[in-house]
Amino acid sequence: MRHESKVTEFDVIFWTCIVDMGKEAITMALEDAGLVYHDVQAVVASYCYGEPTCGQRVAYEMGLSGVPVFNVNNNCSSGSTALMLARHLVQSGYGCVLAVVMQLWVRF
């Protein structure tokens, strides 16, 4: 017998919110830095709650493909871990690395 998981309304709202939040943060960061999306050579996406590929989803929705996307899920240290990883990528030769933190607090 095959068990099928159901997608709840909460799942849809949560997923949409976190993707929209990431897209808004990326748009604002690039505008603030005077960059365009094609300047980005790697993406580090940080989140606590979300699907394992949140970073890829947000990057692809922004139109970026063909660059490495690193997902960071390190509980309360996710944001600082993303910044540290982005810094190491720049030090290793990447010219422009985008670090984005997406967090939607959920009340259980």
Protein backbone atom coordinates (compact mmCIF):
# COMPACT_ATOMS: atom_id res chain seq x y z
CA MET A 1 0.00 0.00 0.00
CA ARG A 2 1.39 3.35 -1.02
CA HIS A 3 1.08 6.29 1.34
CA GLU A 4 0.50 9.62 -0.34
CA SER A 5 1.35 12.77 1.52
CA LYS A 6 -1.12 15.58 1.33
CA VAL A 7 -0.19 19.19 0.78
CA THR A 8 -2.02 21.37 3.25
CA GLU A 9 -3.04 24.98 2.77
CA PHE A 10 -0.41 25.87 5.37
CA ASP A 11 2.30 24.14 3.28
CA VAL A 12 1.35 26.15 0.21
CA ILE A 13 1.21 29.46 2.09
CA PHE A 14 4.50 28.77 3.90
CA TRP A 15 6.37 27.77 0.73
CA THR A 16 5.02 30.77 -1.20
CA CYS A 17 5.94 33.15 1.64
CA ILE A 18 9.52 31.94 2.02
CA VAL A 19 10.15 32.08 -1.75
CA ASP A 20 8.62 35.55 -2.04
CA MET A 21 10.63 36.71 0.98
CA GLY A 22 13.85 35.43 -0.60
CA LYS A 23 13.09 37.06 -3.94
CA GLU A 24 12.35 40.40 -2.26
CA ALA A 25 15.56 40.24 -0.19
CA ILE A 26 17.66 39.39 -3.27
CA THR A 27 16.11 42.18 -5.34
CA MET A 28 16.75 44.75 -2.61
CA ALA A 29 20.33 43.56 -1.97
CA LEU A 30 21.31 43.66 -5.64
CA GLU A 31 19.75 47.09 -6.09
CA ASP A 32 21.54 48.38 -2.98
CA ALA A 33 24.88 46.98 -4.23
CA GLY A 34 24.39 48.32 -7.76
CA LEU A 35 24.64 44.80 -9.22
CA VAL A 36 22.56 42.79 -11.62
CA TYR A 37 21.71 39.15 -11.13
CA HIS A 38 24.14 37.95 -13.79
CA ASP A 39 27.04 39.35 -11.72
CA VAL A 40 26.38 36.64 -9.11
CA GLN A 41 28.69 33.64 -9.36
CA ALA A 42 27.38 31.63 -6.39
CA VAL A 43 24.45 31.74 -3.96
CA VAL A 44 24.39 30.81 -0.27
CA ALA A 45 20.81 30.50 0.99
CA SER A 46 20.08 30.27 4.70
CA TYR A 47 16.87 29.16 6.39
CA CYS A 48 15.68 27.19 9.41
CA TYR A 49 12.27 26.03 8.25
CA GLY A 50 11.81 25.06 4.64
CA GLU A 51 12.46 22.48 2.00
CA PRO A 52 16.03 21.21 1.48
CA THR A 53 16.28 23.08 -1.83
CA CYS A 54 14.89 26.50 -0.83
CA GLY A 55 18.00 28.19 -2.18
CA GLN A 56 17.67 26.63 -5.62
CA ARG A 57 13.97 27.48 -5.76
CA VAL A 58 14.56 31.16 -4.97
CA ALA A 59 17.56 31.43 -7.32
CA TYR A 60 15.71 29.80 -10.20
CA GLU A 61 12.63 31.97 -9.63
CA MET A 62 14.94 35.00 -9.91
CA GLY A 63 16.24 33.70 -13.23
CA LEU A 64 19.65 32.49 -12.08
CA SER A 65 20.81 29.07 -13.12
CA GLY A 66 24.18 27.56 -13.84
CA VAL A 67 25.85 28.71 -10.63
CA PRO A 68 26.35 26.73 -7.43
CA VAL A 69 23.69 27.20 -4.77
CA PHE A 70 24.58 26.23 -1.20
CA ASN A 71 21.74 25.67 1.26
CA VAL A 72 22.57 26.37 4.91
CA ASN A 73 20.36 25.09 7.70
CA ASN A 74 22.15 25.53 11.01
CA ASN A 75 19.27 26.51 13.31
CA CYS A 76 19.87 29.87 15.01
CA SER A 77 23.30 30.17 13.41
CA SER A 78 22.06 29.81 9.83
CA GLY A 79 22.50 33.48 8.91
CA SER A 80 26.01 33.81 10.29
CA THR A 81 26.98 30.47 8.76
CA ALA A 82 25.77 31.69 5.36
CA LEU A 83 27.88 34.84 5.65
CA MET A 84 30.93 32.81 6.69
CA LEU A 85 30.51 30.42 3.76
CA ALA A 86 30.00 33.33 1.33
CA ARG A 87 33.18 34.96 2.65
CA HIS A 88 35.15 31.75 2.15
CA LEU A 89 33.84 31.45 -1.41
CA VAL A 90 35.00 35.00 -2.21
CA GLN A 91 38.39 34.27 -0.64
CA SER A 92 38.66 31.14 -2.79
CA GLY A 93 38.19 33.07 -6.03
CA TYR A 94 34.49 33.73 -6.61
CA GLY A 95 34.09 37.37 -7.57
CA CYS A 96 30.52 37.88 -6.40
CA VAL A 97 28.64 35.66 -3.95
CA LEU A 98 25.07 36.34 -2.87
CA ALA A 99 24.12 35.37 0.69
CA VAL A 100 20.39 35.41 1.41
CA VAL A 101 18.69 34.60 4.70
CA MET A 102 15.06 33.51 4.59
CA GLN A 103 13.23 32.90 7.82
CA LEU A 104 9.54 32.61 8.45
CA TRP A 105 8.69 32.16 12.10
CA VAL A 106 5.94 29.67 12.64
CA ARG A 107 3.82 29.46 15.76
CA PHE A 108 2.95 25.87 16.58
